[in-house]
Protein backbone atom coordinates (compact mmCIF):
# COMPACT_ATOMS: atom_id res chain seq x y z
CA MET A 1 31.73 94.96 74.97
CA SER A 2 32.17 97.94 77.29
CA LEU A 3 32.66 100.21 74.28
CA LEU A 4 29.36 98.93 72.86
CA LYS A 5 27.58 99.68 76.16
CA GLU A 6 29.00 103.18 76.04
CA LEU A 7 27.90 103.70 72.43
CA MET A 8 24.36 102.48 73.22
CA LYS A 9 23.93 105.50 75.49
CA GLY A 10 24.18 107.63 72.35
CA THR A 11 26.90 108.42 69.86
CA THR A 12 27.57 110.02 66.50
CA GLN A 13 27.32 108.54 63.03
CA GLU A 14 31.10 108.74 62.70
CA LYS A 15 31.81 106.85 65.94
CA ALA A 16 29.11 104.26 65.22
CA PHE A 17 30.57 103.56 61.77
CA GLU A 18 34.10 103.47 63.22
CA PHE A 19 33.00 100.80 65.73
CA PHE A 20 31.03 98.88 63.08
CA ASP A 21 34.01 98.89 60.70
CA SER A 22 36.28 97.50 63.45
CA LEU A 23 34.14 94.36 63.85
CA PRO A 24 34.59 91.05 62.02
CA PRO A 25 32.02 89.86 59.48
CA ALA A 26 29.13 87.52 60.25
CA ASP A 27 28.02 84.75 57.89
CA GLU A 28 24.55 83.43 57.06
CA ASP A 29 24.80 80.39 59.36
CA PHE A 30 25.86 82.56 62.28
CA MET A 31 22.71 84.69 61.94
CA LYS A 32 20.19 81.83 62.24
CA GLY A 33 17.85 82.05 65.20
CA LEU A 34 15.83 84.52 67.24
CA TRP A 35 17.55 87.77 68.19
CA GLU A 36 16.50 90.47 70.64
CA GLY A 37 17.16 94.00 69.41
CA TYR A 38 18.13 97.35 70.88
CA GLU A 39 18.58 100.70 69.20
CA LEU A 40 22.01 102.30 69.09
CA PRO A 41 21.24 106.05 68.87
CA SER A 42 23.61 107.81 66.50
CA GLY A 43 21.84 110.90 65.20
CA HIS A 44 19.80 109.11 62.52
CA PRO A 45 16.33 110.54 61.76
CA MET A 46 14.79 107.19 62.84
CA ASP A 47 16.47 107.14 66.27
CA GLY A 48 13.80 106.35 68.85
CA LEU A 49 11.27 104.95 66.38
CA LEU A 50 11.59 101.29 67.40
CA SER A 51 11.50 102.28 71.07
CA MET A 52 8.04 103.74 70.48
CA VAL A 53 6.65 100.34 69.46
CA PRO A 54 7.06 96.99 71.20
CA TRP A 55 9.94 95.89 68.96
CA TYR A 56 11.54 92.69 70.17
CA GLY A 57 14.05 91.91 67.42
CA LYS A 58 14.52 89.74 64.33
CA CYS A 59 14.20 86.05 63.43
CA PHE A 60 16.34 84.29 60.83
CA SER A 61 14.92 80.86 59.96
CA ASP A 62 17.00 80.21 56.85
CA PRO A 63 18.38 82.33 53.97
CA GLU A 64 14.97 82.58 52.29
CA ASN A 65 12.84 83.12 55.39
CA VAL A 66 13.61 86.08 57.59
CA HIS A 67 11.27 88.05 59.83
CA PRO A 68 12.72 91.55 60.12
CA LEU A 69 10.27 92.80 62.75
CA VAL A 70 9.50 90.61 65.73
CA MET A 71 7.20 92.40 68.17
CA LYS A 72 6.33 91.58 71.78
CA ASP A 73 2.85 92.42 73.02
CA LYS A 74 1.91 93.47 76.54
CA LYS A 75 1.27 89.84 77.53
CA GLY A 76 4.75 88.83 76.39
CA PHE A 77 3.70 87.03 73.20
CA LEU A 78 5.96 87.42 70.19
CA PHE A 79 4.56 88.02 66.71
CA PHE A 80 5.96 88.94 63.31
CA ALA A 81 5.02 92.31 61.80
CA ASP A 82 5.18 93.40 58.16
CA PRO A 83 7.80 96.17 58.00
CA ASP A 84 6.53 97.59 54.71
CA PRO A 85 3.56 99.58 56.03
CA LEU A 86 5.29 100.38 59.32
CA LEU A 87 8.54 101.75 57.92
CA LYS A 88 6.78 103.74 55.21
CA PHE A 89 5.50 105.95 58.02
CA ALA A 90 8.93 106.40 59.62
CA ASP A 91 9.23 109.91 58.17
CA LEU A 92 6.00 110.90 59.88
CA ALA A 93 7.16 109.51 63.22
CA SER A 94 10.56 111.18 62.93
CA CYS A 95 8.87 114.52 62.27
CA VAL A 96 6.75 114.23 65.39
CA ARG A 97 9.91 113.82 67.56
CA CYS A 98 8.27 112.41 70.63
CA ARG A 99 10.45 111.41 73.52
CA PRO A 100 10.35 107.60 73.31
CA GLU A 101 10.91 107.19 77.05
CA ASN A 102 7.59 109.00 77.64
CA ILE A 103 5.58 106.62 75.45
CA ASP A 104 4.22 103.25 76.49
CA PRO A 105 5.09 101.11 73.45
CA HIS A 106 2.11 98.89 74.14
CA ILE A 107 -0.44 101.60 73.34
CA PHE A 108 0.05 100.46 69.73
CA ASP A 109 -0.49 96.71 70.39
CA GLY A 110 -3.99 96.67 68.92
CA VAL A 111 -2.95 98.51 65.77
CA LEU A 112 0.23 96.48 65.29
CA LYS A 113 -1.73 93.23 65.29
CA PHE A 114 -3.22 94.41 61.96
CA PHE A 115 0.32 94.38 60.55
CA SER A 116 1.10 90.90 61.83
CA THR A 117 2.12 88.28 59.31
CA ARG A 118 3.35 84.72 59.21
CA ARG A 119 5.07 85.24 55.89
CA SER A 120 8.74 86.00 55.63
CA ARG A 121 9.44 89.63 54.63
CA ALA A 122 13.18 89.44 53.93
CA ARG A 123 16.07 87.23 52.81
CA LEU A 124 19.56 86.66 54.19
CA ARG A 125 22.56 87.10 51.90
CA GLU A 126 26.24 87.85 52.15
CA ILE A 127 27.15 91.18 50.56
CA LYS A 128 30.14 93.47 50.40
CA TYR A 129 29.52 96.59 52.49
CA ARG A 130 32.15 99.16 53.42
CA GLY A 131 34.81 96.85 51.95
CA VAL A 132 33.86 93.70 53.92
CA THR A 133 31.74 90.73 52.81
CA THR A 134 29.30 89.96 55.62
CA ALA A 135 25.74 88.74 56.32
CA ALA A 136 22.95 91.11 55.33
CA MET A 137 19.17 91.07 55.44
CA VAL A 138 17.52 92.21 52.20
CA TYR A 139 13.94 93.38 52.67
CA ASP A 140 11.43 92.02 50.15
CA HIS A 141 9.56 95.28 49.50
CA LEU A 142 11.65 98.07 50.97
CA GLN A 143 14.80 99.73 49.64
CA ILE A 144 16.72 98.83 52.78
CA ILE A 145 19.45 96.33 53.55
CA ASP A 146 20.43 95.53 57.16
CA VAL A 147 24.13 94.67 57.36
CA PHE A 148 25.63 92.77 60.32
CA ARG A 149 29.01 92.47 62.04
CA LYS A 150 29.92 90.25 65.01
CA VAL A 151 30.68 91.64 68.44
CA ASN A 152 30.90 88.16 69.98
CA LYS A 153 29.27 84.72 69.58
CA ASN A 154 25.87 86.05 70.69
CA THR A 155 25.88 89.72 69.71
CA VAL A 156 25.94 91.61 66.42
CA VAL A 157 25.77 95.25 65.46
CA GLY A 158 23.54 96.00 62.51
CA VAL A 159 23.18 99.04 60.33
CA MET A 160 20.24 99.78 58.04
CA ASP A 161 21.51 100.93 54.68
CA PHE A 162 18.85 103.02 52.92
CA LYS A 163 18.54 103.73 49.23
CA GLY A 164 17.56 107.31 48.47
CA ARG A 165 17.26 110.27 50.77
CA MET A 166 18.85 108.71 53.87
CA HIS A 167 21.58 106.74 52.06
CA ASP A 168 24.40 108.67 53.69
CA LYS A 169 23.33 107.81 57.25
CA GLY A 170 23.10 104.46 59.01
CA TYR A 171 20.41 103.47 61.47
CA PHE A 172 22.31 101.37 64.01
CA PHE A 173 21.03 98.62 66.28
CA VAL A 174 22.32 95.73 68.37
CA LEU A 175 21.01 92.16 68.25
CA ARG A 176 21.55 89.57 71.00
CA ARG A 177 20.91 85.88 70.29
CA ARG A 178 18.03 84.39 72.28
CA LYS A 179 17.46 81.01 70.53
């Protein structure tokens, strides 16, 4: 766990993948529940994006019903957001290159409520990624798969695997079980 804490301060793609590859797989049952998320900066163009919005984490109800973006508003209420319109603008946000620590993520609360949804926006499957079969979240409308590996019984490291222009880089994050 101390290595993970060190990596969360910032690392390289190579070191993040090396750590990820050293971890055991997770299965679908293991992933069920509400998870709080944290970015693991690794030099990906999206680093800092989720810190600029009130991202809380992910919620896995069952294999067919997954909420990939759980947000937390200023009052502490959790809500599900549709990742499709939000992530389509990730290129714009990464071009702006704001310093996330200088932005109050709640300035977007009003706008994000327009993207709220009760409908599931992803599915949970087990796939083979980097030679290991493990749990993965397949987005319904985006060309992204989030792949997970276990750190311990309440923590996973995830990597977003993109189809297309960013396919050679992983956007890393950590999830900690809350319920």
